[in-house]
């Protein structure tokens, strides 16, 4: 056998040997369940979960301990802050339902099909990190900016009688907790947290259903973009309803 044939044979052996771990990985796929490898995965990523708990603590402090910046609010500014004081169009409790619980349910469906606890653990961990980091940054900006909400007048003066100091700044006599939340208008917590959860869900689905396999399946793109556009639909719906109510109230006042 010529020397070049021996070289070709050796290269073929190297490539075949390099492909064996991939074949072994495919064979092992489905054998990594919560029962067999759950404790191992949790111990390996213990530090990640500790950092996650630290983010939860920071978020609690940002929500309940730190007060937002109370910026100057004059009488001439109240024209745009007389929206009616009503409950949120999308309730606060609904955000974790569709931004966290819904993606987790989809992760569980994928897990029961593939039996890969590593995929389940990493997906849940990234989802929680995405939501908490977004929430911490959002609340930090809210506290720093202190922008009044559109219904700030009724939060500050629930009886409709406005009072100002010598400099023209408001002297609120409403409930302190309601006034505190009235200084957290920007940025929107609903929108940012929804984007964090549903945006990651879109990326997760794009990888699982192989949206970039170049086979031209438009249905895959629709599935991937559905969570992303759902986020925009919720944000647009909230703005549309709030703006409509505000305009109707301003028309009645004028």
C-alpha atoms as a PDB file:
ATOM      1  CA  UNK A   1       0.000   0.000   0.000  1.00  0.00           C
ATOM      2  CA  UNK A   2       1.443   3.403  -0.983  1.00  0.00           C
ATOM      3  CA  UNK A   3       2.343   5.889   1.742  1.00  0.00           C
ATOM      4  CA  UNK A   4      -0.400   8.313   0.766  1.00  0.00           C
ATOM      5  CA  UNK A   5      -3.011   5.603   1.302  1.00  0.00           C
ATOM      6  CA  UNK A   6      -1.628   4.966   4.779  1.00  0.00           C
ATOM      7  CA  UNK A   7      -1.918   8.673   5.566  1.00  0.00           C
ATOM      8  CA  UNK A   8      -5.509   8.715   4.361  1.00  0.00           C
ATOM      9  CA  UNK A   9      -6.308   5.644   6.472  1.00  0.00           C
ATOM     10  CA  UNK A  10      -4.831   7.264   9.594  1.00  0.00           C
ATOM     11  CA  UNK A  11      -6.872  10.441   9.059  1.00  0.00           C
ATOM     12  CA  UNK A  12     -10.032   8.391   8.658  1.00  0.00           C
ATOM     13  CA  UNK A  13      -9.301   6.669  11.973  1.00  0.00           C
ATOM     14  CA  UNK A  14      -8.809  10.027  13.681  1.00  0.00           C
ATOM     15  CA  UNK A  15     -12.120  11.369  12.336  1.00  0.00           C
ATOM     16  CA  UNK A  16     -13.958   8.198  13.271  1.00  0.00           C
ATOM     17  CA  UNK A  17     -12.510   8.356  16.769  1.00  0.00           C
ATOM     18  CA  UNK A  18     -13.497  12.010  17.149  1.00  0.00           C
ATOM     19  CA  UNK A  19     -17.075  11.212  16.165  1.00  0.00           C
ATOM     20  CA  UNK A  20     -17.444   8.489  18.802  1.00  0.00           C
ATOM     21  CA  UNK A  21     -18.068  10.937  21.697  1.00  0.00           C
ATOM     22  CA  UNK A  22     -20.840  12.571  19.660  1.00  0.00           C
ATOM     23  CA  UNK A  23     -22.457   9.200  19.055  1.00  0.00           C
ATOM     24  CA  UNK A  24     -22.102   8.349  22.736  1.00  0.00           C
ATOM     25  CA  UNK A  25     -23.691  11.677  23.649  1.00  0.00           C
ATOM     26  CA  UNK A  26     -26.652  10.921  21.390  1.00  0.00           C
ATOM     27  CA  UNK A  27     -27.023   7.491  22.948  1.00  0.00           C
ATOM     28  CA  UNK A  28     -26.958   8.952  26.450  1.00  0.00           C
ATOM     29  CA  UNK A  29     -29.567  11.564  25.567  1.00  0.00           C
ATOM     30  CA  UNK A  30     -32.697  10.621  27.458  1.00  0.00           C
ATOM     31  CA  UNK A  31     -30.899   8.948  30.346  1.00  0.00           C
ATOM     32  CA  UNK A  32     -30.250  12.177  32.299  1.00  0.00           C
ATOM     33  CA  UNK A  33     -33.439  12.458  34.325  1.00  0.00           C
ATOM     34  CA  UNK A  34     -34.252  14.449  37.436  1.00  0.00           C
ATOM     35  CA  UNK A  35     -34.116  11.301  39.528  1.00  0.00           C
ATOM     36  CA  UNK A  36     -30.722  10.130  38.260  1.00  0.00           C
ATOM     37  CA  UNK A  37     -28.854  13.423  37.772  1.00  0.00           C
ATOM     38  CA  UNK A  38     -30.965  16.090  39.487  1.00  0.00           C
ATOM     39  CA  UNK A  39     -28.870  16.278  42.660  1.00  0.00           C
ATOM     40  CA  UNK A  40     -25.642  16.357  40.654  1.00  0.00           C
ATOM     41  CA  UNK A  41     -26.849  19.248  38.512  1.00  0.00           C
ATOM     42  CA  UNK A  42     -28.011  21.191  41.570  1.00  0.00           C
ATOM     43  CA  UNK A  43     -24.669  20.742  43.336  1.00  0.00           C
ATOM     44  CA  UNK A  44     -22.706  21.707  40.238  1.00  0.00           C
ATOM     45  CA  UNK A  45     -24.625  24.965  39.882  1.00  0.00           C
ATOM     46  CA  UNK A  46     -24.979  25.766  43.566  1.00  0.00           C
ATOM     47  CA  UNK A  47     -23.184  29.088  43.179  1.00  0.00           C
ATOM     48  CA  UNK A  48     -25.534  30.127  40.380  1.00  0.00           C
ATOM     49  CA  UNK A  49     -28.548  29.573  42.636  1.00  0.00           C
ATOM     50  CA  UNK A  50     -26.884  31.510  45.458  1.00  0.00           C
ATOM     51  CA  UNK A  51     -26.370  34.465  43.120  1.00  0.00           C
ATOM     52  CA  UNK A  52     -30.007  34.113  42.089  1.00  0.00           C
ATOM     53  CA  UNK A  53     -31.070  34.362  45.732  1.00  0.00           C
ATOM     54  CA  UNK A  54     -28.897  37.466  46.063  1.00  0.00           C
ATOM     55  CA  UNK A  55     -30.756  39.035  43.138  1.00  0.00           C
ATOM     56  CA  UNK A  56     -34.060  38.222  44.843  1.00  0.00           C
ATOM     57  CA  UNK A  57     -32.844  40.015  47.983  1.00  0.00           C
ATOM     58  CA  UNK A  58     -31.735  43.053  45.964  1.00  0.00           C
ATOM     59  CA  UNK A  59     -35.122  43.170  44.235  1.00  0.00           C
ATOM     60  CA  UNK A  60     -36.980  43.034  47.571  1.00  0.00           C
ATOM     61  CA  UNK A  61     -34.847  45.881  48.927  1.00  0.00           C
ATOM     62  CA  UNK A  62     -35.422  47.910  45.768  1.00  0.00           C
ATOM     63  CA  UNK A  63     -39.193  47.413  45.969  1.00  0.00           C
ATOM     64  CA  UNK A  64     -39.913  47.850  49.663  1.00  0.00           C
ATOM     65  CA  UNK A  65     -36.952  49.642  51.272  1.00  0.00           C
ATOM     66  CA  UNK A  66     -35.514  52.142  48.801  1.00  0.00           C
ATOM     67  CA  UNK A  67     -37.664  55.206  48.123  1.00  0.00           C
ATOM     68  CA  UNK A  68     -37.830  56.665  44.615  1.00  0.00           C
ATOM     69  CA  UNK A  69     -36.555  60.114  43.817  1.00  0.00           C
ATOM     70  CA  UNK A  70     -39.279  62.646  44.569  1.00  0.00           C
ATOM     71  CA  UNK A  71     -38.857  65.092  41.736  1.00  0.00           C
ATOM     72  CA  UNK A  72     -40.458  68.524  41.542  1.00  0.00           C
ATOM     73  CA  UNK A  73     -44.093  68.406  40.460  1.00  0.00           C
ATOM     74  CA  UNK A  74     -45.685  71.810  39.942  1.00  0.00           C
ATOM     75  CA  UNK A  75     -49.277  72.843  39.443  1.00  0.00           C
ATOM     76  CA  UNK A  76     -48.816  73.441  35.728  1.00  0.00           C
ATOM     77  CA  UNK A  77     -47.626  69.835  35.354  1.00  0.00           C
ATOM     78  CA  UNK A  78     -50.816  68.381  36.828  1.00  0.00           C
ATOM     79  CA  UNK A  79     -52.723  68.721  33.564  1.00  0.00           C
ATOM     80  CA  UNK A  80     -51.022  65.603  32.223  1.00  0.00           C
ATOM     81  CA  UNK A  81     -51.191  63.747  35.563  1.00  0.00           C
ATOM     82  CA  UNK A  82     -54.962  63.635  36.076  1.00  0.00           C
ATOM     83  CA  UNK A  83     -55.631  60.203  34.665  1.00  0.00           C
ATOM     84  CA  UNK A  84     -58.083  58.270  36.856  1.00  0.00           C
ATOM     85  CA  UNK A  85     -56.634  56.097  39.585  1.00  0.00           C
ATOM     86  CA  UNK A  86     -57.626  52.601  38.523  1.00  0.00           C
ATOM     87  CA  UNK A  87     -56.172  49.124  38.771  1.00  0.00           C
ATOM     88  CA  UNK A  88     -53.678  47.964  36.156  1.00  0.00           C
ATOM     89  CA  UNK A  89     -55.020  46.795  32.800  1.00  0.00           C
ATOM     90  CA  UNK A  90     -52.750  43.746  33.119  1.00  0.00           C
ATOM     91  CA  UNK A  91     -52.639  42.749  36.815  1.00  0.00           C
ATOM     92  CA  UNK A  92     -49.252  42.463  38.485  1.00  0.00           C
ATOM     93  CA  UNK A  93     -49.874  38.807  39.360  1.00  0.00           C
ATOM     94  CA  UNK A  94     -50.483  38.000  35.673  1.00  0.00           C
ATOM     95  CA  UNK A  95     -46.944  38.929  34.619  1.00  0.00           C
ATOM     96  CA  UNK A  96     -45.228  35.962  36.355  1.00  0.00           C
ATOM     97  CA  UNK A  97     -47.962  33.689  35.013  1.00  0.00           C
ATOM     98  CA  UNK A  98     -47.261  34.298  31.329  1.00  0.00           C
ATOM     99  CA  UNK A  99     -43.619  35.440  31.563  1.00  0.00           C
ATOM    100  CA  UNK A 100     -42.344  32.700  33.918  1.00  0.00           C
ATOM    101  CA  UNK A 101     -44.893  29.932  34.457  1.00  0.00           C
ATOM    102  CA  UNK A 102     -45.780  29.537  30.770  1.00  0.00           C
ATOM    103  CA  UNK A 103     -42.135  29.137  29.643  1.00  0.00           C
ATOM    104  CA  UNK A 104     -41.501  26.672  32.494  1.00  0.00           C
ATOM    105  CA  UNK A 105     -44.456  24.561  31.371  1.00  0.00           C
ATOM    106  CA  UNK A 106     -43.009  24.459  27.852  1.00  0.00           C
ATOM    107  CA  UNK A 107     -39.617  23.495  29.295  1.00  0.00           C
ATOM    108  CA  UNK A 108     -41.298  20.620  31.136  1.00  0.00           C
ATOM    109  CA  UNK A 109     -42.973  19.415  27.937  1.00  0.00           C
ATOM    110  CA  UNK A 110     -39.588  19.346  26.211  1.00  0.00           C
ATOM    111  CA  UNK A 111     -38.083  17.533  29.209  1.00  0.00           C
ATOM    112  CA  UNK A 112     -40.697  14.768  29.169  1.00  0.00           C
ATOM    113  CA  UNK A 113     -39.953  14.232  25.486  1.00  0.00           C
ATOM    114  CA  UNK A 114     -36.145  14.261  25.715  1.00  0.00           C
ATOM    115  CA  UNK A 115     -35.511  13.306  29.366  1.00  0.00           C
ATOM    116  CA  UNK A 116     -32.613  15.751  29.588  1.00  0.00           C
ATOM    117  CA  UNK A 117     -32.416  17.311  33.055  1.00  0.00           C
ATOM    118  CA  UNK A 118     -29.479  19.478  32.002  1.00  0.00           C
ATOM    119  CA  UNK A 119     -31.580  21.187  29.368  1.00  0.00           C
ATOM    120  CA  UNK A 120     -34.447  21.673  31.836  1.00  0.00           C
ATOM    121  CA  UNK A 121     -32.205  23.043  34.569  1.00  0.00           C
ATOM    122  CA  UNK A 122     -30.303  25.442  32.334  1.00  0.00           C
ATOM    123  CA  UNK A 123     -33.481  26.739  30.698  1.00  0.00           C
ATOM    124  CA  UNK A 124     -35.164  27.451  34.049  1.00  0.00           C
ATOM    125  CA  UNK A 125     -31.993  29.006  35.449  1.00  0.00           C
ATOM    126  CA  UNK A 126     -31.515  31.325  32.469  1.00  0.00           C
ATOM    127  CA  UNK A 127     -35.195  32.293  32.543  1.00  0.00           C
ATOM    128  CA  UNK A 128     -35.030  33.249  36.229  1.00  0.00           C
ATOM    129  CA  UNK A 129     -31.767  35.135  35.768  1.00  0.00           C
ATOM    130  CA  UNK A 130     -33.215  36.997  32.803  1.00  0.00           C
ATOM    131  CA  UNK A 131     -36.323  38.010  34.724  1.00  0.00           C
ATOM    132  CA  UNK A 132     -34.548  38.997  37.933  1.00  0.00           C
ATOM    133  CA  UNK A 133     -31.756  40.959  36.275  1.00  0.00           C
ATOM    134  CA  UNK A 134     -34.357  42.799  34.208  1.00  0.00           C
ATOM    135  CA  UNK A 135     -36.468  43.499  37.306  1.00  0.00           C
ATOM    136  CA  UNK A 136     -33.484  44.796  39.305  1.00  0.00           C
ATOM    137  CA  UNK A 137     -32.348  47.108  36.503  1.00  0.00           C
ATOM    138  CA  UNK A 138     -35.902  48.311  35.854  1.00  0.00           C
ATOM    139  CA  UNK A 139     -36.592  49.117  39.512  1.00  0.00           C
ATOM    140  CA  UNK A 140     -33.203  50.797  39.880  1.00  0.00           C
ATOM    141  CA  UNK A 141     -34.053  53.129  36.988  1.00  0.00           C
ATOM    142  CA  UNK A 142     -37.539  53.711  38.407  1.00  0.00           C
ATOM    143  CA  UNK A 143     -36.089  54.776  41.770  1.00  0.00           C
ATOM    144  CA  UNK A 144     -33.442  56.969  40.161  1.00  0.00           C
ATOM    145  CA  UNK A 145     -35.762  58.740  37.717  1.00  0.00           C
ATOM    146  CA  UNK A 146     -38.835  59.121  39.945  1.00  0.00           C
ATOM    147  CA  UNK A 147     -41.111  60.018  37.060  1.00  0.00           C
ATOM    148  CA  UNK A 148     -44.741  60.554  38.202  1.00  0.00           C
ATOM    149  CA  UNK A 149     -47.397  58.226  36.893  1.00  0.00           C
ATOM    150  CA  UNK A 150     -50.235  59.629  34.752  1.00  0.00           C
ATOM    151  CA  UNK A 151     -52.609  59.237  37.744  1.00  0.00           C
ATOM    152  CA  UNK A 152     -50.268  61.006  40.177  1.00  0.00           C
ATOM    153  CA  UNK A 153     -52.759  63.804  40.960  1.00  0.00           C
ATOM    154  CA  UNK A 154     -55.268  61.391  42.490  1.00  0.00           C
ATOM    155  CA  UNK A 155     -52.540  59.504  44.298  1.00  0.00           C
ATOM    156  CA  UNK A 156     -51.270  62.738  45.811  1.00  0.00           C
ATOM    157  CA  UNK A 157     -54.675  64.370  46.395  1.00  0.00           C
ATOM    158  CA  UNK A 158     -57.319  61.646  46.760  1.00  0.00           C
ATOM    159  CA  UNK A 159     -59.935  64.228  47.757  1.00  0.00           C
ATOM    160  CA  UNK A 160     -59.209  66.356  44.683  1.00  0.00           C
ATOM    161  CA  UNK A 161     -57.903  69.334  46.709  1.00  0.00           C
ATOM    162  CA  UNK A 162     -54.356  70.117  45.576  1.00  0.00           C
ATOM    163  CA  UNK A 163     -51.909  71.830  47.935  1.00  0.00           C
ATOM    164  CA  UNK A 164     -48.507  73.320  47.058  1.00  0.00           C
ATOM    165  CA  UNK A 165     -45.629  74.844  48.995  1.00  0.00           C
ATOM    166  CA  UNK A 166     -43.990  78.245  48.486  1.00  0.00           C
ATOM    167  CA  UNK A 167     -41.868  76.912  45.611  1.00  0.00           C
ATOM    168  CA  UNK A 168     -44.888  75.472  43.864  1.00  0.00           C
ATOM    169  CA  UNK A 169     -44.083  71.826  44.644  1.00  0.00           C
ATOM    170  CA  UNK A 170     -46.833  69.432  45.672  1.00  0.00           C
ATOM    171  CA  UNK A 171     -47.651  68.703  49.319  1.00  0.00           C
ATOM    172  CA  UNK A 172     -49.273  65.295  49.104  1.00  0.00           C
ATOM    173  CA  UNK A 173     -51.748  64.123  51.745  1.00  0.00           C
ATOM    174  CA  UNK A 174     -52.611  60.731  50.282  1.00  0.00           C
ATOM    175  CA  UNK A 175     -51.525  57.260  51.324  1.00  0.00           C
ATOM    176  CA  UNK A 176     -47.714  57.068  51.493  1.00  0.00           C
ATOM    177  CA  UNK A 177     -47.436  53.692  49.778  1.00  0.00           C
ATOM    178  CA  UNK A 178     -49.704  54.821  46.923  1.00  0.00           C
ATOM    179  CA  UNK A 179     -47.708  58.047  46.547  1.00  0.00           C
ATOM    180  CA  UNK A 180     -44.471  56.065  46.534  1.00  0.00           C
ATOM    181  CA  UNK A 181     -45.707  53.898  43.666  1.00  0.00           C
ATOM    182  CA  UNK A 182     -46.821  57.069  41.921  1.00  0.00           C
ATOM    183  CA  UNK A 183     -43.173  58.027  41.405  1.00  0.00           C
ATOM    184  CA  UNK A 184     -42.355  54.812  39.506  1.00  0.00           C
ATOM    185  CA  UNK A 185     -43.746  55.460  36.057  1.00  0.00           C
ATOM    186  CA  UNK A 186     -40.638  54.872  33.927  1.00  0.00           C
ATOM    187  CA  UNK A 187     -39.629  52.377  32.681  1.00  0.00           C
ATOM    188  CA  UNK A 188     -42.573  49.985  32.552  1.00  0.00           C
ATOM    189  CA  UNK A 189     -42.073  46.933  34.733  1.00  0.00           C
ATOM    190  CA  UNK A 190     -44.796  44.992  32.910  1.00  0.00           C
ATOM    191  CA  UNK A 191     -43.155  45.526  29.539  1.00  0.00           C
ATOM    192  CA  UNK A 192     -39.570  44.832  30.573  1.00  0.00           C
ATOM    193  CA  UNK A 193     -40.341  41.656  32.555  1.00  0.00           C
ATOM    194  CA  UNK A 194     -42.654  40.380  29.832  1.00  0.00           C
ATOM    195  CA  UNK A 195     -39.932  40.876  27.246  1.00  0.00           C
ATOM    196  CA  UNK A 196     -37.377  39.107  29.453  1.00  0.00           C
ATOM    197  CA  UNK A 197     -39.516  35.977  29.818  1.00  0.00           C
ATOM    198  CA  UNK A 198     -41.238  35.762  26.452  1.00  0.00           C
ATOM    199  CA  UNK A 199     -38.136  36.933  24.575  1.00  0.00           C
ATOM    200  CA  UNK A 200     -36.089  34.074  26.019  1.00  0.00           C
ATOM    201  CA  UNK A 201     -38.934  31.657  25.264  1.00  0.00           C
ATOM    202  CA  UNK A 202     -38.726  32.672  21.597  1.00  0.00           C
ATOM    203  CA  UNK A 203     -34.976  31.986  21.536  1.00  0.00           C
ATOM    204  CA  UNK A 204     -35.502  28.646  23.301  1.00  0.00           C
ATOM    205  CA  UNK A 205     -38.154  27.532  20.824  1.00  0.00           C
ATOM    206  CA  UNK A 206     -36.038  28.586  17.850  1.00  0.00           C
ATOM    207  CA  UNK A 207     -33.314  26.196  18.977  1.00  0.00           C
ATOM    208  CA  UNK A 208     -35.612  23.306  19.835  1.00  0.00           C
ATOM    209  CA  UNK A 209     -37.624  23.267  16.626  1.00  0.00           C
ATOM    210  CA  UNK A 210     -34.554  24.010  14.452  1.00  0.00           C
ATOM    211  CA  UNK A 211     -35.932  27.145  12.870  1.00  0.00           C
ATOM    212  CA  UNK A 212     -32.654  27.740  10.974  1.00  0.00           C
ATOM    213  CA  UNK A 213     -32.479  24.357   9.254  1.00  0.00           C
ATOM    214  CA  UNK A 214     -32.987  26.056   5.842  1.00  0.00           C
ATOM    215  CA  UNK A 215     -36.008  23.916   4.960  1.00  0.00           C
ATOM    216  CA  UNK A 216     -38.325  26.888   4.571  1.00  0.00           C
ATOM    217  CA  UNK A 217     -40.948  26.024   7.190  1.00  0.00           C
ATOM    218  CA  UNK A 218     -42.797  29.289   7.791  1.00  0.00           C
ATOM    219  CA  UNK A 219     -44.847  27.625  10.533  1.00  0.00           C
ATOM    220  CA  UNK A 220     -41.695  27.361  12.650  1.00  0.00           C
ATOM    221  CA  UNK A 221     -41.133  31.094  12.404  1.00  0.00           C
ATOM    222  CA  UNK A 222     -44.729  31.721  13.459  1.00  0.00           C
ATOM    223  CA  UNK A 223     -44.249  29.542  16.541  1.00  0.00           C
ATOM    224  CA  UNK A 224     -40.998  31.300  17.441  1.00  0.00           C
ATOM    225  CA  UNK A 225     -42.358  34.816  16.971  1.00  0.00           C
ATOM    226  CA  UNK A 226     -45.649  34.159  18.769  1.00  0.00           C
ATOM    227  CA  UNK A 227     -44.262  34.776  22.307  1.00  0.00           C
ATOM    228  CA  UNK A 228     -42.327  37.798  21.084  1.00  0.00           C
ATOM    229  CA  UNK A 229     -45.343  39.434  19.456  1.00  0.00           C
ATOM    230  CA  UNK A 230     -47.551  38.490  22.405  1.00  0.00           C
ATOM    231  CA  UNK A 231     -45.348  40.704  24.554  1.00  0.00           C
ATOM    232  CA  UNK A 232     -45.816  43.640  22.162  1.00  0.00           C
ATOM    233  CA  UNK A 233     -49.560  42.993  21.999  1.00  0.00           C
ATOM    234  CA  UNK A 234     -49.904  43.155  25.785  1.00  0.00           C
ATOM    235  CA  UNK A 235     -47.838  46.342  25.994  1.00  0.00           C
ATOM    236  CA  UNK A 236     -49.817  48.003  23.188  1.00  0.00           C
ATOM    237  CA  UNK A 237     -53.127  46.952  24.735  1.00  0.00           C
ATOM    238  CA  UNK A 238     -52.185  48.449  28.085  1.00  0.00           C
ATOM    239  CA  UNK A 239     -51.118  51.745  26.505  1.00  0.00           C
ATOM    240  CA  UNK A 240     -54.184  51.911  24.288  1.00  0.00           C
ATOM    241  CA  UNK A 241     -56.689  51.386  27.120  1.00  0.00           C
ATOM    242  CA  UNK A 242     -54.876  53.767  29.469  1.00  0.00           C
ATOM    243  CA  UNK A 243     -54.618  56.451  26.809  1.00  0.00           C
ATOM    244  CA  UNK A 244     -58.292  56.132  25.854  1.00  0.00           C
ATOM    245  CA  UNK A 245     -59.466  56.478  29.452  1.00  0.00           C
ATOM    246  CA  UNK A 246     -57.172  59.447  29.997  1.00  0.00           C
ATOM    247  CA  UNK A 247     -58.427  61.274  26.918  1.00  0.00           C
ATOM    248  CA  UNK A 248     -62.065  60.735  27.927  1.00  0.00           C
ATOM    249  CA  UNK A 249     -61.387  62.145  31.405  1.00  0.00           C
ATOM    250  CA  UNK A 250     -59.535  65.155  30.015  1.00  0.00           C
ATOM    251  CA  UNK A 251     -62.425  65.865  27.638  1.00  0.00           C
ATOM    252  CA  UNK A 252     -64.872  65.792  30.551  1.00  0.00           C
ATOM    253  CA  UNK A 253     -62.683  68.147  32.586  1.00  0.00           C
ATOM    254  CA  UNK A 254     -62.316  70.608  29.731  1.00  0.00           C
END
